[in-house]
Amino acid sequence: MPEISDASSEGEQQPRSIRLTDPRALRAYAHPLRMSLVGLLRSSGPFTATRAAELTGESVASCSYHLRILAKYGLVEEAPGGRGREKPWRATARYTEWPEYSEDATVAEAADALGAAVAERYFERVTRAMENRHRLPREWREAEEFGDSLLHLTPEELTGLGERIDALLRPYEARAADPSLRPEGARPVTVLRIAYLDQDIPDSEEE
């Protein structure tokens, strides 16, 4: 399952994604502050633990601790240019991925827990966006999308739909790392992709 996350603001090339398969890494990343720190490093990094504390409202000691945990599992790393104890950190990839399915029950349980934590974070952010929509210019309010579609698909069709959406979005990804590629008026836009088998709707297929 890929986490749709802000791309890195650094100009240098970096891997598009990091894939977590270790249950310990999956559980470690499920912590809300750690997900926030990785997201902020991707959109606004590199920065120090002191800056992380300013951005999150947490203590410097707490941010420093959680950054070290993230580094342990390869999600962040020290960036060059630090002075003394004020070392900057950067994200190691633009996106995080983890298994959609695993025969290993421990991996499956940890992956499902991470997926639930990420979904909760998504909807917290969506709620904040809705609460602040009144501050946006008319053109942005009219351009934003809030809706859903009920489709009847096979697993293969759903997979293909996701691949086509991914191909549609990819050409815009380079703009995150290279501001010169952004047209005038471009601003950060989060696009959520959530598609799931709706088990609340009775199956109408005949037995």
Protein backbone atom coordinates (compact mmCIF):
# COMPACT_ATOMS: atom_id res chain seq x y z
CA MET A 1 0.00 0.00 0.00
CA PRO A 2 1.57 3.32 -0.97
CA GLU A 3 1.22 6.28 1.31
CA ILE A 4 0.41 9.37 -0.73
CA SER A 5 2.76 11.88 0.76
CA ASP A 6 4.29 15.23 -0.02
CA ALA A 7 7.30 14.98 -2.29
CA SER A 8 10.70 16.15 -1.16
CA SER A 9 11.63 19.79 -1.56
CA GLU A 10 15.27 18.95 -2.16
CA GLY A 11 16.63 19.55 -5.63
CA GLU A 12 18.73 16.39 -5.74
CA GLN A 13 17.31 13.14 -7.06
CA GLN A 14 16.20 10.62 -4.49
CA PRO A 15 14.33 7.30 -4.64
CA ARG A 16 10.63 7.67 -5.38
CA SER A 17 9.67 5.34 -2.55
CA ILE A 18 10.91 3.25 0.35
CA ARG A 19 9.17 -0.05 1.03
CA LEU A 20 8.70 -1.24 4.60
CA THR A 21 8.35 -4.99 5.16
CA ASP A 22 9.84 -5.46 8.64
CA PRO A 23 6.99 -5.59 11.22
CA ARG A 24 9.12 -3.50 13.58
CA ALA A 25 9.53 -0.78 10.95
CA LEU A 26 5.81 -0.88 10.14
CA ARG A 27 4.88 -0.48 13.81
CA ALA A 28 7.47 2.26 14.32
CA TYR A 29 6.18 4.31 11.40
CA ALA A 30 2.57 4.06 12.61
CA HIS A 31 3.34 6.65 15.33
CA PRO A 32 1.49 9.92 14.45
CA LEU A 33 4.44 12.22 15.20
CA ARG A 34 6.82 10.10 13.14
CA MET A 35 4.47 10.20 10.16
CA SER A 36 4.22 13.97 10.57
CA LEU A 37 7.99 14.35 10.73
CA VAL A 38 8.54 12.33 7.57
CA GLY A 39 5.83 14.27 5.75
CA LEU A 40 7.32 17.61 6.82
CA LEU A 41 10.82 16.56 5.79
CA ARG A 42 9.47 15.61 2.37
CA SER A 43 7.72 18.93 1.89
CA SER A 44 9.91 21.36 3.85
CA GLY A 45 13.18 19.61 4.70
CA PRO A 46 15.97 19.29 5.42
CA PHE A 47 15.70 20.69 8.95
CA THR A 48 16.97 20.15 12.48
CA ALA A 49 15.18 18.76 15.51
CA THR A 50 14.82 22.33 16.74
CA ARG A 51 12.95 23.30 13.58
CA ALA A 52 10.93 20.09 13.80
CA ALA A 53 9.83 21.12 17.29
CA GLU A 54 8.72 24.52 15.97
CA LEU A 55 6.71 22.91 13.17
CA THR A 56 5.04 20.23 15.28
CA GLY A 57 4.67 21.90 18.68
CA GLU A 58 6.54 19.03 20.31
CA SER A 59 9.73 19.31 22.37
CA VAL A 60 13.16 19.27 20.74
CA ALA A 61 14.07 16.17 22.77
CA SER A 62 10.97 14.32 21.57
CA CYS A 63 11.55 15.25 17.91
CA SER A 64 15.21 14.25 18.17
CA TYR A 65 14.25 10.87 19.63
CA HIS A 66 11.64 10.14 16.96
CA LEU A 67 13.96 11.25 14.15
CA ARG A 68 16.54 8.76 15.38
CA ILE A 69 13.91 6.00 15.39
CA LEU A 70 12.96 6.92 11.81
CA ALA A 71 16.63 6.84 10.82
CA LYS A 72 16.95 3.37 12.34
CA TYR A 73 14.41 2.09 9.82
CA GLY A 74 15.75 4.03 6.86
CA LEU A 75 12.99 6.62 6.54
CA VAL A 76 15.22 9.62 7.30
CA GLU A 77 18.95 10.29 7.38
CA GLU A 78 21.35 13.00 8.43
CA ALA A 79 21.79 15.71 5.83
CA PRO A 80 25.04 17.59 5.16
CA GLY A 81 25.60 21.09 6.47
CA GLY A 82 25.09 20.63 10.20
CA ARG A 83 26.95 22.60 12.81
CA GLY A 84 27.68 21.18 16.23
CA ARG A 85 24.70 19.38 17.72
CA GLU A 86 22.30 21.08 15.30
CA LYS A 87 22.40 18.41 12.63
CA PRO A 88 19.81 18.59 9.86
CA TRP A 89 17.73 15.62 8.77
CA ARG A 90 16.22 14.73 5.41
CA ALA A 91 13.79 12.14 4.09
CA THR A 92 15.30 9.21 2.19
CA ALA A 93 12.44 8.90 -0.33
CA ARG A 94 9.39 10.78 -1.55
CA TYR A 95 6.83 8.10 -0.69
CA THR A 96 6.42 5.18 1.71
CA GLU A 97 5.05 1.80 0.64
CA TRP A 98 4.20 -1.39 2.51
CA PRO A 99 2.59 -4.74 1.63
CA GLU A 100 -1.07 -4.84 0.68
CA TYR A 101 -1.03 -8.56 1.54
CA SER A 102 1.33 -10.92 3.32
CA GLU A 103 1.24 -14.62 4.20
CA ASP A 104 3.16 -13.67 7.35
CA ALA A 105 0.52 -12.89 9.97
CA THR A 106 2.88 -10.59 11.89
CA VAL A 107 3.61 -8.52 8.78
CA ALA A 108 -0.06 -8.46 7.78
CA GLU A 109 -1.16 -7.27 11.22
CA ALA A 110 1.49 -4.54 11.37
CA ALA A 111 0.72 -3.42 7.80
CA ASP A 112 -3.02 -3.21 8.52
CA ALA A 113 -2.36 -1.20 11.68
CA LEU A 114 -0.16 1.21 9.72
CA GLY A 115 -2.80 1.53 7.03
CA ALA A 116 -5.41 2.43 9.63
CA ALA A 117 -3.07 5.00 11.22
CA VAL A 118 -2.35 6.61 7.86
CA ALA A 119 -6.07 6.72 6.98
CA GLU A 120 -6.80 8.46 10.28
CA ARG A 121 -4.08 11.01 9.53
CA TYR A 122 -5.47 11.58 6.03
CA PHE A 123 -8.93 12.39 7.34
CA GLU A 124 -7.62 14.66 10.07
CA ARG A 125 -5.91 16.67 7.33
CA VAL A 126 -9.02 16.63 5.14
CA THR A 127 -11.10 17.88 8.08
CA ARG A 128 -8.67 20.76 8.62
CA ALA A 129 -8.80 21.59 4.93
CA MET A 130 -12.60 21.69 5.02
CA GLU A 131 -12.59 23.88 8.12
CA ASN A 132 -10.29 26.38 6.39
CA ARG A 133 -11.86 26.39 2.93
CA HIS A 134 -13.55 29.72 3.58
CA ARG A 135 -10.12 31.37 3.46
CA LEU A 136 -9.38 30.21 -0.08
CA PRO A 137 -9.88 32.29 -3.24
CA ARG A 138 -12.89 31.34 -5.32
CA GLU A 139 -10.82 29.64 -8.04
CA TRP A 140 -9.31 27.21 -5.53
CA ARG A 141 -12.64 26.48 -3.86
CA GLU A 142 -14.14 25.64 -7.24
CA ALA A 143 -11.14 23.53 -8.29
CA GLU A 144 -10.99 21.35 -5.17
CA GLU A 145 -12.57 17.91 -5.32
CA PHE A 146 -14.61 16.33 -2.52
CA GLY A 147 -16.69 13.39 -3.66
CA ASP A 148 -16.88 9.65 -4.21
CA SER A 149 -17.89 7.13 -6.86
CA LEU A 150 -19.43 3.69 -6.42
CA LEU A 151 -18.11 1.37 -9.12
CA HIS A 152 -18.59 -2.34 -9.76
CA LEU A 153 -15.14 -3.72 -10.58
CA THR A 154 -13.16 -6.92 -10.58
CA PRO A 155 -9.86 -7.02 -8.64
CA GLU A 156 -8.02 -6.83 -11.98
CA GLU A 157 -9.99 -3.77 -13.07
CA LEU A 158 -9.37 -2.03 -9.77
CA THR A 159 -5.63 -2.70 -10.09
CA GLY A 160 -5.65 -1.33 -13.63
CA LEU A 161 -7.57 1.75 -12.55
CA GLY A 162 -4.96 2.48 -9.89
CA GLU A 163 -2.16 2.09 -12.43
CA ARG A 164 -3.84 4.55 -14.82
CA ILE A 165 -4.37 7.10 -12.05
CA ASP A 166 -0.72 6.72 -11.04
CA ALA A 167 0.39 7.32 -14.64
CA LEU A 168 -1.82 10.42 -14.79
CA LEU A 169 -0.22 11.92 -11.65
CA ARG A 170 3.43 11.06 -12.27
CA PRO A 171 4.18 13.88 -14.76
CA TYR A 172 3.48 16.42 -12.00
CA GLU A 173 5.77 14.84 -9.39
CA ALA A 174 8.98 16.45 -10.65
CA ARG A 175 7.61 19.88 -9.77
CA ALA A 176 8.00 19.14 -6.06
CA ALA A 177 11.80 18.92 -6.32
CA ASP A 178 12.26 21.55 -9.05
CA PRO A 179 10.42 24.85 -8.52
CA SER A 180 11.39 25.98 -12.04
CA LEU A 181 8.95 23.39 -13.43
CA ARG A 182 5.98 24.89 -11.61
CA PRO A 183 3.71 27.17 -13.65
CA GLU A 184 2.68 30.50 -12.20
CA GLY A 185 -0.01 30.05 -9.58
CA ALA A 186 0.90 26.43 -8.74
CA ARG A 187 0.50 25.56 -5.06
CA PRO A 188 0.86 22.30 -3.06
CA VAL A 189 -2.17 20.05 -3.61
CA THR A 190 -2.64 16.71 -1.83
CA VAL A 191 -4.42 14.09 -3.92
CA LEU A 192 -5.78 11.15 -1.91
CA ARG A 193 -6.37 7.79 -3.58
CA ILE A 194 -8.57 5.48 -1.54
CA ALA A 195 -10.43 2.59 -3.16
CA TYR A 196 -11.85 -0.26 -1.10
CA LEU A 197 -14.35 -3.09 -1.38
CA ASP A 198 -17.46 -1.65 0.25
CA GLN A 199 -18.68 -4.40 2.54
CA ASP A 200 -21.49 -2.22 3.90
CA ILE A 201 -23.41 -2.51 0.63
CA PRO A 202 -25.23 -5.86 0.15
CA ASP A 203 -23.88 -7.87 -2.77
CA SER A 204 -26.57 -7.94 -5.45
CA GLU A 205 -25.07 -10.87 -7.35
CA GLU A 206 -27.29 -13.94 -7.49
CA GLU A 207 -25.99 -17.05 -5.79
